Amino acid sequence: MTTTPEHDQRIAELTFASVYPHYVSKVQKKNRSEEDLLEVIKWLTGFNSAEIEELITSKATFKEFFERATLNPNANQIKGVICGYRIEDIITPLTKQVRYLDKLVDELAKGRAMDKILRV
């Protein structure tokens, strides 16, 4: 299943700040901490806590968020289906990167061990 240009545009324009509270809520409902979530985001993006906070405060879009990120070289090991899309089949780089993050948050919420999530 490929994404549409409209879908890709919606994702690009979404702000990280608008989605972050949902990530926090999702992982906390499953007894994981916000610190665990931050560890996953840092692993994927190379950001530190201050940079993540600044991206939230400035209401950076996902496009801006991932333009500033240094994607982990092991990110391509993130595979599977998220939001109805098989990550490996997504062609648009930004949409794929956002789905990487979604998949990591999903794995965290499902109780997967941190070393497995971080592909160590």
Protein backbone atom coordinates (compact mmCIF):
# COMPACT_ATOMS: atom_id res chain seq x y z
CA MET A 1 0.00 0.00 0.00
CA THR A 2 1.52 3.31 -1.03
CA THR A 3 0.71 6.66 0.48
CA THR A 4 -1.00 9.43 -1.46
CA PRO A 5 0.48 12.90 -1.96
CA GLU A 6 -2.33 14.30 0.21
CA HIS A 7 -1.50 11.87 3.01
CA ASP A 8 2.19 12.75 2.79
CA GLN A 9 1.38 16.49 2.88
CA ARG A 10 -0.84 16.10 5.96
CA ILE A 11 1.96 14.29 7.78
CA ALA A 12 4.54 16.90 6.76
CA GLU A 13 2.39 19.73 8.12
CA LEU A 14 1.47 18.04 11.40
CA THR A 15 3.30 19.52 14.37
CA PHE A 16 5.38 17.30 16.61
CA ALA A 17 3.92 19.21 19.59
CA SER A 18 0.39 18.14 18.64
CA VAL A 19 1.33 14.45 18.52
CA TYR A 20 3.79 14.23 21.43
CA PRO A 21 1.11 14.27 24.19
CA HIS A 22 -0.60 11.34 22.45
CA TYR A 23 2.68 9.43 22.42
CA VAL A 24 3.12 10.12 26.15
CA SER A 25 -0.43 9.06 26.94
CA LYS A 26 -0.12 5.88 24.88
CA VAL A 27 3.06 4.69 26.58
CA GLN A 28 1.96 5.71 30.09
CA LYS A 29 -1.29 3.74 29.73
CA LYS A 30 0.93 0.69 29.28
CA ASN A 31 3.12 1.48 32.31
CA ARG A 32 6.04 2.90 30.35
CA SER A 33 7.49 6.29 31.24
CA GLU A 34 7.95 9.53 29.37
CA GLU A 35 11.68 8.98 29.93
CA ASP A 36 11.41 5.71 27.98
CA LEU A 37 9.66 7.61 25.19
CA LEU A 38 12.38 10.26 25.14
CA GLU A 39 15.05 7.56 24.97
CA VAL A 40 13.38 6.11 21.88
CA ILE A 41 13.03 9.53 20.23
CA LYS A 42 16.67 10.36 21.00
CA TRP A 43 17.82 7.03 19.54
CA LEU A 44 15.91 7.57 16.31
CA THR A 45 16.67 11.26 15.79
CA GLY A 46 19.95 12.04 17.55
CA PHE A 47 18.27 14.88 19.46
CA ASN A 48 18.95 15.58 23.12
CA SER A 49 16.25 16.49 25.67
CA ALA A 50 16.72 20.25 25.22
CA GLU A 51 16.37 19.96 21.44
CA ILE A 52 13.20 17.90 21.77
CA GLU A 53 11.74 20.45 24.19
CA GLU A 54 12.62 23.28 21.79
CA LEU A 55 10.95 21.44 18.89
CA ILE A 56 7.80 21.08 21.00
CA THR A 57 7.87 24.72 22.14
CA SER A 58 8.45 26.05 18.63
CA LYS A 59 5.66 23.84 17.26
CA ALA A 60 7.95 22.35 14.62
CA THR A 61 6.21 20.40 11.88
CA PHE A 62 7.26 16.83 11.24
CA LYS A 63 8.95 18.13 8.10
CA GLU A 64 11.07 20.54 10.17
CA PHE A 65 11.56 17.92 12.90
CA PHE A 66 13.06 15.33 10.56
CA GLU A 67 15.02 17.90 8.51
CA ARG A 68 16.90 18.70 11.73
CA ALA A 69 17.24 15.08 12.86
CA THR A 70 20.21 12.80 12.26
CA LEU A 71 18.43 9.51 11.69
CA ASN A 72 19.96 6.51 13.42
CA PRO A 73 21.79 4.29 10.89
CA ASN A 74 19.82 1.29 12.19
CA ALA A 75 16.44 2.95 11.54
CA ASN A 76 16.05 0.90 8.36
CA GLN A 77 15.72 -2.17 10.60
CA ILE A 78 12.34 -0.86 11.78
CA LYS A 79 9.84 -2.96 9.89
CA GLY A 80 6.21 -3.94 10.10
CA VAL A 81 2.78 -2.42 9.73
CA ILE A 82 1.75 0.82 11.41
CA CYS A 83 -1.42 2.81 10.74
CA GLY A 84 -2.28 0.39 7.94
CA TYR A 85 0.99 0.91 6.06
CA ARG A 86 3.90 -1.52 5.74
CA ILE A 87 6.88 0.64 6.63
CA GLU A 88 9.20 -1.06 4.15
CA ASP A 89 6.84 -0.17 1.28
CA ILE A 90 6.54 3.56 2.02
CA ILE A 91 8.35 5.52 -0.68
CA THR A 92 8.17 9.09 0.66
CA PRO A 93 11.17 9.52 3.01
CA LEU A 94 9.44 11.87 5.48
CA THR A 95 6.36 9.67 5.77
CA LYS A 96 8.62 6.66 6.32
CA GLN A 97 10.53 8.49 9.06
CA VAL A 98 7.33 9.50 10.86
CA ARG A 99 6.11 5.91 10.65
CA TYR A 100 9.45 4.75 12.10
CA LEU A 101 8.70 6.93 15.12
CA ASP A 102 5.11 5.69 15.31
CA LYS A 103 6.30 2.09 15.20
CA LEU A 104 8.85 2.64 17.98
CA VAL A 105 6.19 4.26 20.17
CA ASP A 106 3.87 1.34 19.42
CA GLU A 107 6.55 -1.20 20.37
CA LEU A 108 7.24 0.72 23.58
CA ALA A 109 3.55 0.74 24.47
CA LYS A 110 3.29 -2.99 23.77
CA GLY A 111 5.96 -3.68 26.39
CA ARG A 112 8.74 -4.71 24.06
CA ALA A 113 12.17 -4.73 25.70
CA MET A 114 14.14 -1.51 25.18
CA ASP A 115 17.15 -3.31 23.62
CA LYS A 116 14.81 -4.80 21.01
CA ILE A 117 13.16 -1.45 20.31
CA LEU A 118 16.56 0.22 19.89
CA ARG A 119 17.77 -2.57 17.62
CA VAL A 120 20.83 -3.23 19.81
